[in-house]
C-alpha cells in the first residue's frame, strides 16, 4: 500500500473516531434538550430522542421558576455564589502557590511540591467526611462557608500554574523588575500574572465547573433547603417525584431544571475561550 493511501486511511479512521466521540458526548445533551420540550406524560409516551407534537418548553420553564415557591431561583443563586467565590479564591491561591513553586527558592520546596503531587491522587470524595468533622468543630456546617472553604484548595490548579509559570515567565523579566526596584508582590502582579493569564482562566473555569457540579460535599454539609445548590436541590425534587409524597410527579420540571443549570456553564466557556486562543497564539509565536 502506498504512503498516500495509508495517510488517507488513517485520516478517515481518526475522523470516524472523533465523530463517534462527538455523538457519545452530545447525545445526552440532545436528549435533555428534546425532553425539556415535553410535558410529564410526553416524557414516557413519546420517542425519547425526538420532539413530540406538543411543544411545552416555555410552560416547563414557568413551572421550574414557580414550583415550591420559586425555590429554584435560590438554588441557582447559591450555585452561582459557591462557584464564583470558590473559583476566584482557588485561582488566586493557586496562582500565588504556583508562582512560588516555579520561581522562588525556599527550604522544603521540593518536599512540599512532592506532597502536592500526592494530594492530586486523593479523590475529593474521600476528604468530604474528614472535612465535615473539621467544619463541625468550627461551627461552620450548614453555612455557605462549609461549601466555599473546602473548594478553595485546588492541588491540580497549583500544579498547572506552577508548570505554566515555569515555562512562560522568563527569569530575565523578573530580575529586570527587581533591579528596577519592584518588590516581590509587584513583580508577581505586574510581570507574572499577565503572562499566566491563559492558565489562570483554565484553573478558574475548572474550579467553577467542579464547584457548580459538586454534589457530595454540599449534600453532607448542608441541611437547610434555602442553602442548597442546584445539584442537591434537583435531587430533592427527584426524590419527591420518585416517592410521590402526596404530590404530582413533575419529572418535566426536573429535566428543564437540569437544562437551565448547564446554561451558565456554556456561557462562561463561550465568554472566556478567547483567553485560551490568545495563550495558544503567544506560545506559537515564542
C-alpha atoms as a PDB file:
ATOM      1  CA  UNK A   1       0.000   0.000   0.000  1.00  0.00           C
ATOM      2  CA  UNK A   2       1.360   3.411  -0.959  1.00  0.00           C
ATOM      3  CA  UNK A   3       2.090   6.056   1.616  1.00  0.00           C
ATOM      4  CA  UNK A   4      -0.681   8.478   0.443  1.00  0.00           C
ATOM      5  CA  UNK A   5      -3.233   5.666   0.695  1.00  0.00           C
ATOM      6  CA  UNK A   6      -2.115   4.836   4.255  1.00  0.00           C
ATOM      7  CA  UNK A   7      -2.275   8.527   5.174  1.00  0.00           C
ATOM      8  CA  UNK A   8      -5.788   8.850   3.755  1.00  0.00           C
ATOM      9  CA  UNK A   9      -6.926   5.712   5.579  1.00  0.00           C
ATOM     10  CA  UNK A  10      -5.532   6.952   8.870  1.00  0.00           C
ATOM     11  CA  UNK A  11      -7.231  10.303   8.420  1.00  0.00           C
ATOM     12  CA  UNK A  12     -10.586   8.660   7.715  1.00  0.00           C
ATOM     13  CA  UNK A  13     -10.227   6.407  10.757  1.00  0.00           C
ATOM     14  CA  UNK A  14      -9.318   9.308  13.042  1.00  0.00           C
ATOM     15  CA  UNK A  15     -12.259  11.354  11.762  1.00  0.00           C
ATOM     16  CA  UNK A  16     -14.605   8.406  12.313  1.00  0.00           C
ATOM     17  CA  UNK A  17     -13.389   8.008  15.908  1.00  0.00           C
ATOM     18  CA  UNK A  18     -13.816  11.728  16.569  1.00  0.00           C
ATOM     19  CA  UNK A  19     -17.314  11.631  15.084  1.00  0.00           C
ATOM     20  CA  UNK A  20     -18.268   8.712  17.344  1.00  0.00           C
ATOM     21  CA  UNK A  21     -16.871  10.505  20.382  1.00  0.00           C
ATOM     22  CA  UNK A  22     -18.794  13.666  19.439  1.00  0.00           C
ATOM     23  CA  UNK A  23     -22.029  11.670  19.208  1.00  0.00           C
ATOM     24  CA  UNK A  24     -21.239   9.988  22.533  1.00  0.00           C
ATOM     25  CA  UNK A  25     -20.821  13.326  24.325  1.00  0.00           C
ATOM     26  CA  UNK A  26     -23.613  15.217  22.545  1.00  0.00           C
ATOM     27  CA  UNK A  27     -26.310  12.530  22.779  1.00  0.00           C
ATOM     28  CA  UNK A  28     -27.162  13.164  26.482  1.00  0.00           C
ATOM     29  CA  UNK A  29     -27.405  16.897  25.812  1.00  0.00           C
ATOM     30  CA  UNK A  30     -29.665  16.249  22.815  1.00  0.00           C
ATOM     31  CA  UNK A  31     -31.918  14.041  24.946  1.00  0.00           C
ATOM     32  CA  UNK A  32     -32.067  16.755  27.629  1.00  0.00           C
ATOM     33  CA  UNK A  33     -32.958  19.396  25.047  1.00  0.00           C
ATOM     34  CA  UNK A  34     -35.677  17.226  23.486  1.00  0.00           C
ATOM     35  CA  UNK A  35     -37.098  16.115  26.837  1.00  0.00           C
ATOM     36  CA  UNK A  36     -37.350  19.725  28.007  1.00  0.00           C
ATOM     37  CA  UNK A  37     -39.976  20.398  25.326  1.00  0.00           C
ATOM     38  CA  UNK A  38     -42.336  17.684  26.612  1.00  0.00           C
ATOM     39  CA  UNK A  39     -44.837  17.593  29.424  1.00  0.00           C
ATOM     40  CA  UNK A  40     -44.722  14.962  32.147  1.00  0.00           C
ATOM     41  CA  UNK A  41     -46.819  12.433  30.190  1.00  0.00           C
ATOM     42  CA  UNK A  42     -44.877  13.040  26.982  1.00  0.00           C
ATOM     43  CA  UNK A  43     -41.615  12.045  28.655  1.00  0.00           C
ATOM     44  CA  UNK A  44     -42.851   8.471  28.979  1.00  0.00           C
ATOM     45  CA  UNK A  45     -45.167   8.116  25.983  1.00  0.00           C
ATOM     46  CA  UNK A  46     -43.166   9.534  23.052  1.00  0.00           C
ATOM     47  CA  UNK A  47     -39.855   8.770  21.353  1.00  0.00           C
ATOM     48  CA  UNK A  48     -37.045   9.738  23.756  1.00  0.00           C
ATOM     49  CA  UNK A  49     -34.750  11.276  21.125  1.00  0.00           C
ATOM     50  CA  UNK A  50     -37.261  13.276  19.106  1.00  0.00           C
ATOM     51  CA  UNK A  51     -39.761  16.041  19.720  1.00  0.00           C
ATOM     52  CA  UNK A  52     -43.426  15.398  20.350  1.00  0.00           C
ATOM     53  CA  UNK A  53     -46.214  17.318  18.678  1.00  0.00           C
ATOM     54  CA  UNK A  54     -46.883  19.430  21.794  1.00  0.00           C
ATOM     55  CA  UNK A  55     -44.121  22.000  22.471  1.00  0.00           C
ATOM     56  CA  UNK A  56     -44.068  22.637  26.242  1.00  0.00           C
ATOM     57  CA  UNK A  57     -40.661  24.231  26.809  1.00  0.00           C
ATOM     58  CA  UNK A  58     -41.943  27.648  27.903  1.00  0.00           C
ATOM     59  CA  UNK A  59     -44.645  26.108  30.101  1.00  0.00           C
ATOM     60  CA  UNK A  60     -42.000  23.923  31.735  1.00  0.00           C
ATOM     61  CA  UNK A  61     -39.728  26.937  32.301  1.00  0.00           C
ATOM     62  CA  UNK A  62     -42.590  28.725  34.025  1.00  0.00           C
ATOM     63  CA  UNK A  63     -43.147  25.695  36.240  1.00  0.00           C
ATOM     64  CA  UNK A  64     -39.458  25.481  37.153  1.00  0.00           C
ATOM     65  CA  UNK A  65     -39.273  29.045  38.423  1.00  0.00           C
ATOM     66  CA  UNK A  66     -42.625  28.918  40.234  1.00  0.00           C
ATOM     67  CA  UNK A  67     -42.531  25.410  41.734  1.00  0.00           C
ATOM     68  CA  UNK A  68     -42.170  25.244  45.546  1.00  0.00           C
ATOM     69  CA  UNK A  69     -42.478  28.997  45.865  1.00  0.00           C
ATOM     70  CA  UNK A  70     -39.677  29.754  43.412  1.00  0.00           C
ATOM     71  CA  UNK A  71     -37.006  27.921  45.388  1.00  0.00           C
ATOM     72  CA  UNK A  72     -35.168  27.110  42.146  1.00  0.00           C
ATOM     73  CA  UNK A  73     -34.062  30.751  41.930  1.00  0.00           C
ATOM     74  CA  UNK A  74     -32.481  30.443  45.378  1.00  0.00           C
ATOM     75  CA  UNK A  75     -30.665  27.267  44.334  1.00  0.00           C
ATOM     76  CA  UNK A  76     -29.444  28.970  41.167  1.00  0.00           C
ATOM     77  CA  UNK A  77     -28.183  31.934  43.161  1.00  0.00           C
ATOM     78  CA  UNK A  78     -26.474  29.636  45.669  1.00  0.00           C
ATOM     79  CA  UNK A  79     -24.696  27.703  42.917  1.00  0.00           C
ATOM     80  CA  UNK A  80     -23.507  30.965  41.362  1.00  0.00           C
ATOM     81  CA  UNK A  81     -22.245  32.214  44.736  1.00  0.00           C
ATOM     82  CA  UNK A  82     -20.399  28.997  45.560  1.00  0.00           C
ATOM     83  CA  UNK A  83     -18.875  28.717  42.080  1.00  0.00           C
ATOM     84  CA  UNK A  84     -17.747  32.326  41.638  1.00  0.00           C
ATOM     85  CA  UNK A  85     -16.307  32.782  45.134  1.00  0.00           C
ATOM     86  CA  UNK A  86     -14.634  29.357  45.106  1.00  0.00           C
ATOM     87  CA  UNK A  87     -13.343  29.828  41.555  1.00  0.00           C
ATOM     88  CA  UNK A  88     -11.822  33.256  42.172  1.00  0.00           C
ATOM     89  CA  UNK A  89     -10.413  32.302  45.569  1.00  0.00           C
ATOM     90  CA  UNK A  90      -8.968  28.983  44.408  1.00  0.00           C
ATOM     91  CA  UNK A  91      -7.416  30.629  41.343  1.00  0.00           C
ATOM     92  CA  UNK A  92      -5.790  33.345  43.462  1.00  0.00           C
ATOM     93  CA  UNK A  93      -4.360  30.817  45.915  1.00  0.00           C
ATOM     94  CA  UNK A  94      -3.188  28.514  43.118  1.00  0.00           C
ATOM     95  CA  UNK A  95      -1.549  31.444  41.287  1.00  0.00           C
ATOM     96  CA  UNK A  96       0.408  32.514  44.365  1.00  0.00           C
ATOM     97  CA  UNK A  97       1.455  28.962  45.217  1.00  0.00           C
ATOM     98  CA  UNK A  98       2.267  28.004  41.619  1.00  0.00           C
ATOM     99  CA  UNK A  99       4.411  31.100  41.116  1.00  0.00           C
ATOM    100  CA  UNK A 100       6.239  30.465  44.388  1.00  0.00           C
ATOM    101  CA  UNK A 101       6.984  26.847  43.473  1.00  0.00           C
ATOM    102  CA  UNK A 102       8.174  27.859  39.987  1.00  0.00           C
ATOM    103  CA  UNK A 103      10.229  30.993  40.608  1.00  0.00           C
ATOM    104  CA  UNK A 104      11.147  31.301  44.289  1.00  0.00           C
ATOM    105  CA  UNK A 105      13.726  29.342  46.256  1.00  0.00           C
ATOM    106  CA  UNK A 106      12.865  28.383  49.833  1.00  0.00           C
ATOM    107  CA  UNK A 107      13.626  25.473  52.194  1.00  0.00           C
ATOM    108  CA  UNK A 108      11.440  22.406  51.693  1.00  0.00           C
ATOM    109  CA  UNK A 109      10.172  23.486  48.268  1.00  0.00           C
ATOM    110  CA  UNK A 110      10.713  20.111  46.594  1.00  0.00           C
ATOM    111  CA  UNK A 111       9.196  18.218  49.518  1.00  0.00           C
ATOM    112  CA  UNK A 112       6.124  20.428  49.553  1.00  0.00           C
ATOM    113  CA  UNK A 113       5.692  20.067  45.798  1.00  0.00           C
ATOM    114  CA  UNK A 114       6.010  16.269  46.047  1.00  0.00           C
ATOM    115  CA  UNK A 115       3.324  16.322  48.741  1.00  0.00           C
ATOM    116  CA  UNK A 116       1.161  18.413  46.440  1.00  0.00           C
ATOM    117  CA  UNK A 117       1.521  15.846  43.659  1.00  0.00           C
ATOM    118  CA  UNK A 118       0.415  13.167  46.106  1.00  0.00           C
ATOM    119  CA  UNK A 119      -2.671  15.188  47.041  1.00  0.00           C
ATOM    120  CA  UNK A 120      -3.729  15.271  43.396  1.00  0.00           C
ATOM    121  CA  UNK A 121      -4.148  11.487  43.541  1.00  0.00           C
ATOM    122  CA  UNK A 122      -6.522  11.609  46.534  1.00  0.00           C
ATOM    123  CA  UNK A 123     -10.200  11.522  45.447  1.00  0.00           C
ATOM    124  CA  UNK A 124     -12.120  14.572  46.604  1.00  0.00           C
ATOM    125  CA  UNK A 125     -14.957  12.409  47.939  1.00  0.00           C
ATOM    126  CA  UNK A 126     -12.525  10.689  50.322  1.00  0.00           C
ATOM    127  CA  UNK A 127     -11.928  14.025  52.041  1.00  0.00           C
ATOM    128  CA  UNK A 128     -15.571  15.014  52.478  1.00  0.00           C
ATOM    129  CA  UNK A 129     -16.189  13.252  55.791  1.00  0.00           C
ATOM    130  CA  UNK A 130     -12.951  14.473  57.451  1.00  0.00           C
ATOM    131  CA  UNK A 131     -13.769  17.944  56.178  1.00  0.00           C
ATOM    132  CA  UNK A 132     -17.245  17.657  57.666  1.00  0.00           C
ATOM    133  CA  UNK A 133     -15.773  16.830  61.068  1.00  0.00           C
ATOM    134  CA  UNK A 134     -13.467  19.852  60.874  1.00  0.00           C
ATOM    135  CA  UNK A 135     -16.315  22.141  59.818  1.00  0.00           C
ATOM    136  CA  UNK A 136     -18.492  20.749  62.589  1.00  0.00           C
ATOM    137  CA  UNK A 137     -15.821  21.507  65.186  1.00  0.00           C
ATOM    138  CA  UNK A 138     -15.572  25.057  63.820  1.00  0.00           C
ATOM    139  CA  UNK A 139     -19.354  25.507  63.835  1.00  0.00           C
ATOM    140  CA  UNK A 140     -19.486  26.138  60.080  1.00  0.00           C
ATOM    141  CA  UNK A 141     -21.731  23.292  58.953  1.00  0.00           C
ATOM    142  CA  UNK A 142     -24.986  24.343  57.319  1.00  0.00           C
ATOM    143  CA  UNK A 143     -23.428  27.640  56.205  1.00  0.00           C
ATOM    144  CA  UNK A 144     -22.149  28.813  52.838  1.00  0.00           C
ATOM    145  CA  UNK A 145     -18.567  28.587  54.146  1.00  0.00           C
ATOM    146  CA  UNK A 146     -18.907  24.822  54.541  1.00  0.00           C
ATOM    147  CA  UNK A 147     -19.026  24.607  50.737  1.00  0.00           C
ATOM    148  CA  UNK A 148     -16.734  27.515  49.839  1.00  0.00           C
ATOM    149  CA  UNK A 149     -13.756  26.930  52.135  1.00  0.00           C
ATOM    150  CA  UNK A 150     -13.010  23.308  51.061  1.00  0.00           C
ATOM    151  CA  UNK A 151     -13.355  24.358  47.400  1.00  0.00           C
ATOM    152  CA  UNK A 152     -10.577  26.942  47.764  1.00  0.00           C
ATOM    153  CA  UNK A 153      -7.951  24.187  47.840  1.00  0.00           C
ATOM    154  CA  UNK A 154      -7.094  23.012  44.338  1.00  0.00           C
ATOM    155  CA  UNK A 155      -3.864  20.961  44.182  1.00  0.00           C
ATOM    156  CA  UNK A 156      -4.222  20.377  40.445  1.00  0.00           C
ATOM    157  CA  UNK A 157      -4.582  24.116  39.889  1.00  0.00           C
ATOM    158  CA  UNK A 158      -1.379  24.761  41.815  1.00  0.00           C
ATOM    159  CA  UNK A 159       0.435  22.123  39.757  1.00  0.00           C
ATOM    160  CA  UNK A 160      -0.884  23.517  36.467  1.00  0.00           C
ATOM    161  CA  UNK A 161       0.075  27.086  37.304  1.00  0.00           C
ATOM    162  CA  UNK A 162       3.490  26.003  38.566  1.00  0.00           C
ATOM    163  CA  UNK A 163       4.241  24.289  35.246  1.00  0.00           C
ATOM    164  CA  UNK A 164       2.869  27.197  33.233  1.00  0.00           C
ATOM    165  CA  UNK A 165       4.741  29.848  35.243  1.00  0.00           C
ATOM    166  CA  UNK A 166       7.974  27.887  34.932  1.00  0.00           C
ATOM    167  CA  UNK A 167       7.734  27.852  31.123  1.00  0.00           C
ATOM    168  CA  UNK A 168       6.025  31.157  30.317  1.00  0.00           C
ATOM    169  CA  UNK A 169       7.554  33.646  32.768  1.00  0.00           C
ATOM    170  CA  UNK A 170      11.209  34.354  31.845  1.00  0.00           C
ATOM    171  CA  UNK A 171      13.590  34.723  34.780  1.00  0.00           C
ATOM    172  CA  UNK A 172      15.237  37.663  32.986  1.00  0.00           C
ATOM    173  CA  UNK A 173      11.996  39.674  33.156  1.00  0.00           C
ATOM    174  CA  UNK A 174      11.680  39.002  36.870  1.00  0.00           C
ATOM    175  CA  UNK A 175      15.282  40.021  37.527  1.00  0.00           C
ATOM    176  CA  UNK A 176      14.858  43.184  35.468  1.00  0.00           C
ATOM    177  CA  UNK A 177      11.803  44.154  37.507  1.00  0.00           C
ATOM    178  CA  UNK A 178      13.678  43.531  40.767  1.00  0.00           C
ATOM    179  CA  UNK A 179      16.616  45.624  39.562  1.00  0.00           C
ATOM    180  CA  UNK A 180      14.159  48.447  38.830  1.00  0.00           C
ATOM    181  CA  UNK A 181      13.148  48.340  42.493  1.00  0.00           C
ATOM    182  CA  UNK A 182       9.916  46.330  42.314  1.00  0.00           C
ATOM    183  CA  UNK A 183       9.095  44.176  45.322  1.00  0.00           C
ATOM    184  CA  UNK A 184       8.087  40.537  45.021  1.00  0.00           C
ATOM    185  CA  UNK A 185       4.377  41.316  45.170  1.00  0.00           C
ATOM    186  CA  UNK A 186       4.734  43.962  42.439  1.00  0.00           C
ATOM    187  CA  UNK A 187       6.786  41.566  40.313  1.00  0.00           C
ATOM    188  CA  UNK A 188       4.129  38.903  40.700  1.00  0.00           C
ATOM    189  CA  UNK A 189       1.248  41.276  39.938  1.00  0.00           C
ATOM    190  CA  UNK A 190       2.787  43.219  37.052  1.00  0.00           C
ATOM    191  CA  UNK A 191       5.069  40.669  35.363  1.00  0.00           C
ATOM    192  CA  UNK A 192       3.995  37.124  36.198  1.00  0.00           C
ATOM    193  CA  UNK A 193       0.193  37.405  36.250  1.00  0.00           C
ATOM    194  CA  UNK A 194      -0.214  38.806  32.683  1.00  0.00           C
ATOM    195  CA  UNK A 195       1.951  36.001  31.303  1.00  0.00           C
ATOM    196  CA  UNK A 196      -0.056  33.389  33.253  1.00  0.00           C
ATOM    197  CA  UNK A 197      -3.474  34.606  32.069  1.00  0.00           C
ATOM    198  CA  UNK A 198      -4.436  31.577  29.897  1.00  0.00           C
ATOM    199  CA  UNK A 199      -3.577  29.172  32.724  1.00  0.00           C
ATOM    200  CA  UNK A 200      -5.436  31.361  35.223  1.00  0.00           C
ATOM    201  CA  UNK A 201      -8.578  31.235  33.083  1.00  0.00           C
ATOM    202  CA  UNK A 202      -8.211  27.454  32.796  1.00  0.00           C
ATOM    203  CA  UNK A 203      -7.966  26.993  36.566  1.00  0.00           C
ATOM    204  CA  UNK A 204     -10.831  29.429  37.108  1.00  0.00           C
ATOM    205  CA  UNK A 205     -13.136  27.559  34.737  1.00  0.00           C
ATOM    206  CA  UNK A 206     -12.186  24.128  36.028  1.00  0.00           C
ATOM    207  CA  UNK A 207     -12.789  25.198  39.620  1.00  0.00           C
ATOM    208  CA  UNK A 208     -16.083  26.900  38.823  1.00  0.00           C
ATOM    209  CA  UNK A 209     -17.351  23.898  36.886  1.00  0.00           C
ATOM    210  CA  UNK A 210     -16.235  21.484  39.630  1.00  0.00           C
ATOM    211  CA  UNK A 211     -17.953  23.579  42.314  1.00  0.00           C
ATOM    212  CA  UNK A 212     -21.087  24.077  40.201  1.00  0.00           C
ATOM    213  CA  UNK A 213     -21.368  20.317  39.631  1.00  0.00           C
ATOM    214  CA  UNK A 214     -20.328  19.340  43.163  1.00  0.00           C
ATOM    215  CA  UNK A 215     -22.950  17.129  44.782  1.00  0.00           C
ATOM    216  CA  UNK A 216     -21.488  15.118  47.640  1.00  0.00           C
ATOM    217  CA  UNK A 217     -19.874  17.992  49.562  1.00  0.00           C
ATOM    218  CA  UNK A 218     -23.000  20.193  49.837  1.00  0.00           C
ATOM    219  CA  UNK A 219     -25.139  17.103  50.413  1.00  0.00           C
ATOM    220  CA  UNK A 220     -23.087  16.298  53.526  1.00  0.00           C
ATOM    221  CA  UNK A 221     -22.522  19.864  54.716  1.00  0.00           C
ATOM    222  CA  UNK A 222     -25.958  21.408  54.239  1.00  0.00           C
ATOM    223  CA  UNK A 223     -29.402  20.632  55.606  1.00  0.00           C
ATOM    224  CA  UNK A 224     -31.109  23.985  55.014  1.00  0.00           C
ATOM    225  CA  UNK A 225     -33.176  23.855  51.840  1.00  0.00           C
ATOM    226  CA  UNK A 226     -32.506  27.557  51.197  1.00  0.00           C
ATOM    227  CA  UNK A 227     -28.719  26.935  51.075  1.00  0.00           C
ATOM    228  CA  UNK A 228     -28.818  24.034  48.624  1.00  0.00           C
ATOM    229  CA  UNK A 229     -27.052  24.383  45.266  1.00  0.00           C
ATOM    230  CA  UNK A 230     -28.778  23.180  42.114  1.00  0.00           C
ATOM    231  CA  UNK A 231     -27.297  19.687  42.287  1.00  0.00           C
ATOM    232  CA  UNK A 232     -28.718  18.934  45.736  1.00  0.00           C
ATOM    233  CA  UNK A 233     -31.925  20.874  45.124  1.00  0.00           C
ATOM    234  CA  UNK A 234     -32.779  18.978  41.952  1.00  0.00           C
ATOM    235  CA  UNK A 235     -32.056  15.757  43.805  1.00  0.00           C
ATOM    236  CA  UNK A 236     -34.700  16.674  46.412  1.00  0.00           C
ATOM    237  CA  UNK A 237     -37.221  17.247  43.610  1.00  0.00           C
ATOM    238  CA  UNK A 238     -36.281  13.924  42.045  1.00  0.00           C
ATOM    239  CA  UNK A 239     -36.699  12.066  45.334  1.00  0.00           C
ATOM    240  CA  UNK A 240     -40.060  13.761  45.864  1.00  0.00           C
ATOM    241  CA  UNK A 241     -41.206  12.828  42.351  1.00  0.00           C
ATOM    242  CA  UNK A 242     -39.994   9.243  42.739  1.00  0.00           C
ATOM    243  CA  UNK A 243     -41.527   8.645  46.167  1.00  0.00           C
ATOM    244  CA  UNK A 244     -44.721  10.544  45.440  1.00  0.00           C
ATOM    245  CA  UNK A 245     -45.042  12.454  48.738  1.00  0.00           C
ATOM    246  CA  UNK A 246     -48.744  13.052  48.075  1.00  0.00           C
ATOM    247  CA  UNK A 247     -47.947  15.388  45.172  1.00  0.00           C
ATOM    248  CA  UNK A 248     -47.698  15.229  41.373  1.00  0.00           C
ATOM    249  CA  UNK A 249     -44.606  13.592  39.878  1.00  0.00           C
ATOM    250  CA  UNK A 250     -43.280  16.509  37.843  1.00  0.00           C
ATOM    251  CA  UNK A 251     -40.327  14.901  36.096  1.00  0.00           C
ATOM    252  CA  UNK A 252     -40.572  17.520  33.358  1.00  0.00           C
ATOM    253  CA  UNK A 253     -39.737  20.195  35.937  1.00  0.00           C
ATOM    254  CA  UNK A 254     -36.617  18.285  36.951  1.00  0.00           C
ATOM    255  CA  UNK A 255     -35.498  17.845  33.340  1.00  0.00           C
ATOM    256  CA  UNK A 256     -35.926  21.532  32.484  1.00  0.00           C
ATOM    257  CA  UNK A 257     -34.244  22.479  35.747  1.00  0.00           C
ATOM    258  CA  UNK A 258     -31.235  20.408  34.694  1.00  0.00           C
ATOM    259  CA  UNK A 259     -31.216  22.121  31.280  1.00  0.00           C
ATOM    260  CA  UNK A 260     -31.254  25.603  32.830  1.00  0.00           C
ATOM    261  CA  UNK A 261     -28.475  24.533  35.209  1.00  0.00           C
ATOM    262  CA  UNK A 262     -25.983  23.960  32.383  1.00  0.00           C
ATOM    263  CA  UNK A 263     -26.672  27.246  30.570  1.00  0.00           C
ATOM    264  CA  UNK A 264     -24.387  29.363  32.829  1.00  0.00           C
ATOM    265  CA  UNK A 265     -21.511  26.942  32.251  1.00  0.00           C
ATOM    266  CA  UNK A 266     -21.915  27.148  28.475  1.00  0.00           C
ATOM    267  CA  UNK A 267     -21.993  30.950  28.667  1.00  0.00           C
ATOM    268  CA  UNK A 268     -18.849  31.014  30.832  1.00  0.00           C
ATOM    269  CA  UNK A 269     -16.941  28.838  28.362  1.00  0.00           C
ATOM    270  CA  UNK A 270     -18.036  30.954  25.403  1.00  0.00           C
ATOM    271  CA  UNK A 271     -17.042  34.202  27.114  1.00  0.00           C
ATOM    272  CA  UNK A 272     -13.634  33.015  28.323  1.00  0.00           C
ATOM    273  CA  UNK A 273     -12.488  30.837  25.426  1.00  0.00           C
ATOM    274  CA  UNK A 274     -10.728  33.770  23.713  1.00  0.00           C
ATOM    275  CA  UNK A 275      -8.152  33.824  26.508  1.00  0.00           C
ATOM    276  CA  UNK A 276      -7.247  30.226  25.652  1.00  0.00           C
ATOM    277  CA  UNK A 277      -6.862  31.132  21.983  1.00  0.00           C
ATOM    278  CA  UNK A 278      -4.684  34.078  22.939  1.00  0.00           C
ATOM    279  CA  UNK A 279      -2.473  31.878  25.073  1.00  0.00           C
ATOM    280  CA  UNK A 280      -2.046  29.342  22.288  1.00  0.00           C
ATOM    281  CA  UNK A 281      -1.075  32.103  19.854  1.00  0.00           C
ATOM    282  CA  UNK A 282       1.514  33.509  22.248  1.00  0.00           C
ATOM    283  CA  UNK A 283       3.033  30.063  22.691  1.00  0.00           C
ATOM    284  CA  UNK A 284       3.231  29.588  18.925  1.00  0.00           C
ATOM    285  CA  UNK A 285       4.978  32.925  18.415  1.00  0.00           C
ATOM    286  CA  UNK A 286       7.565  32.057  21.031  1.00  0.00           C
END
